[in-house]
Protein backbone atom coordinates (compact mmCIF):
# COMPACT_ATOMS: atom_id res chain seq x y z
CA MET A 1 148.41 147.30 70.00
CA ASP A 2 149.48 145.40 67.46
CA LYS A 3 151.63 142.21 67.77
CA LYS A 4 154.78 143.40 67.20
CA ALA A 5 154.67 145.71 69.88
CA VAL A 6 153.67 142.49 71.83
CA VAL A 7 156.73 140.75 71.23
CA GLN A 8 158.68 143.99 71.89
CA LEU A 9 157.28 144.02 74.99
CA ARG A 10 158.28 140.40 75.87
CA VAL A 11 161.79 140.87 74.67
CA MET A 12 162.04 144.14 76.93
CA PHE A 13 160.34 142.88 79.92
CA GLY A 14 160.04 139.13 81.43
CA GLY A 15 157.12 137.43 83.21
CA LYS A 16 155.30 139.65 85.95
CA ASP A 17 156.87 142.83 84.83
CA MET A 18 155.55 142.11 81.34
CA SER A 19 151.90 141.19 82.69
CA LYS A 20 151.91 144.50 85.28
CA MET A 21 152.88 146.71 82.03
CA MET A 22 150.32 145.20 79.68
CA LYS A 23 147.50 145.51 82.21
CA GLN A 24 148.45 149.49 82.70
CA MET A 25 148.06 149.67 78.87
CA GLY A 26 144.62 147.83 78.99
CA MET A 27 145.70 144.67 77.85
CA ASP A 28 144.96 141.39 79.47
CA MET A 29 146.78 138.05 78.69
CA ASP A 30 145.58 134.81 79.49
CA GLU A 31 147.90 131.25 79.51
CA ILE A 32 146.06 128.64 77.96
CA ASP A 33 146.49 124.92 79.11
CA ALA A 34 146.90 122.82 75.54
CA GLU A 35 147.88 119.53 75.12
CA LYS A 36 148.07 119.56 71.16
CA VAL A 37 147.05 122.40 68.83
CA GLU A 38 146.45 121.99 64.94
CA VAL A 39 146.65 124.63 62.44
CA HIS A 40 144.99 123.70 58.99
CA LEU A 41 146.47 125.41 56.26
CA SER A 42 144.61 125.77 52.55
CA ASN A 43 146.95 123.49 50.92
CA ASP A 44 145.71 120.33 52.66
CA LYS A 45 148.65 120.63 55.09
CA LYS A 46 148.62 121.09 58.76
CA LEU A 47 150.97 122.13 61.49
CA VAL A 48 150.43 120.13 64.79
CA PHE A 49 152.20 121.54 67.95
CA SER A 50 152.45 118.97 70.76
CA LYS A 51 152.55 120.73 74.39
CA PRO A 52 152.43 124.37 72.90
CA GLN A 53 152.59 127.37 74.81
CA LEU A 54 149.21 129.13 73.97
CA SER A 55 148.61 132.52 74.89
CA LYS A 56 145.11 134.75 74.44
CA ILE A 57 145.73 138.33 74.55
CA GLU A 58 143.15 140.87 74.60
CA ALA A 59 143.39 144.33 73.55
CA GLN A 60 141.43 147.50 71.96
CA GLY A 61 138.24 145.04 71.75
CA GLN A 62 140.34 142.48 69.77
CA GLU A 63 141.49 139.13 70.98
CA ILE A 64 145.23 137.89 69.80
CA PHE A 65 146.26 134.35 70.11
CA GLN A 66 149.80 133.65 70.42
CA LEU A 67 151.27 130.14 69.89
CA GLN A 68 154.93 128.86 70.31
CA GLY A 69 156.49 125.58 70.53
CA ASN A 70 157.65 122.71 68.23
CA TYR A 71 155.64 121.54 65.56
CA THR A 72 155.42 118.74 62.80
CA GLU A 73 154.02 119.46 59.51
CA GLU A 74 151.49 116.84 58.02
CA THR A 75 149.51 116.19 54.74
CA SER A 76 146.23 115.70 55.26
CA ILE A 77 144.41 113.67 52.75
CA PRO A 78 140.69 114.97 51.49
CA GLU A 79 138.37 112.37 52.64
CA GLU A 80 136.87 112.38 49.14
CA ASP A 81 140.13 110.97 47.64
CA ILE A 82 140.15 108.19 50.28
CA GLU A 83 136.06 107.44 49.54
CA LEU A 84 137.01 107.34 45.77
CA VAL A 85 139.95 105.06 45.92
CA MET A 86 137.90 102.82 48.33
CA GLN A 87 135.06 102.75 45.93
CA LYS A 88 137.29 101.91 42.80
CA THR A 89 139.08 99.33 44.45
CA GLU A 90 136.94 97.87 47.12
CA ALA A 91 139.85 98.68 49.76
CA SER A 92 139.28 99.50 53.49
CA LYS A 93 139.35 102.83 54.58
CA GLU A 94 143.09 102.40 56.17
CA GLU A 95 144.16 100.56 52.83
CA ALA A 96 142.96 103.51 50.80
CA LYS A 97 144.73 106.11 53.12
CA LYS A 98 148.00 104.22 52.87
CA ALA A 99 148.21 104.05 49.24
CA LEU A 100 147.33 107.81 49.01
CA GLU A 101 149.94 108.60 51.29
CA SER A 102 152.51 106.30 49.74
CA GLU A 103 151.31 107.23 45.62
CA GLY A 104 150.67 110.74 45.98
CA ASP A 105 147.70 110.69 44.19
CA VAL A 106 144.03 109.13 43.22
CA ALA A 107 145.17 107.39 40.24
CA GLY A 108 148.31 105.91 41.66
CA ALA A 109 146.82 104.94 44.79
CA VAL A 110 144.23 102.85 42.56
CA MET A 111 146.63 101.23 40.37
CA SER A 112 148.73 100.18 43.28
CA LEU A 113 145.76 98.30 44.67
CA GLN A 114 144.40 96.71 42.04
């Protein structure tokens, strides 16, 4: 069963009714207790979900994870950029990271710390 069908089932049936129907269709769903979930994107950004609703659905030999909740988007700074700024300026790791966050690039961070 694809994700769209699972979503449609959730709309049609709630709670126990949906769980019962999913079991009949050979699907198993477990709730996962999670405090925080981070999704790292390919553009050096990450989505941070605090106290999310996380479910694992097993169907037709595949595992599907469903994540719901409010999130914040954060930009992660590559470790090599932090280290380069530290080398060029003799700044601490925290100082280099703050400079990169405020300036947006290595050159700007180095100039702001000199």
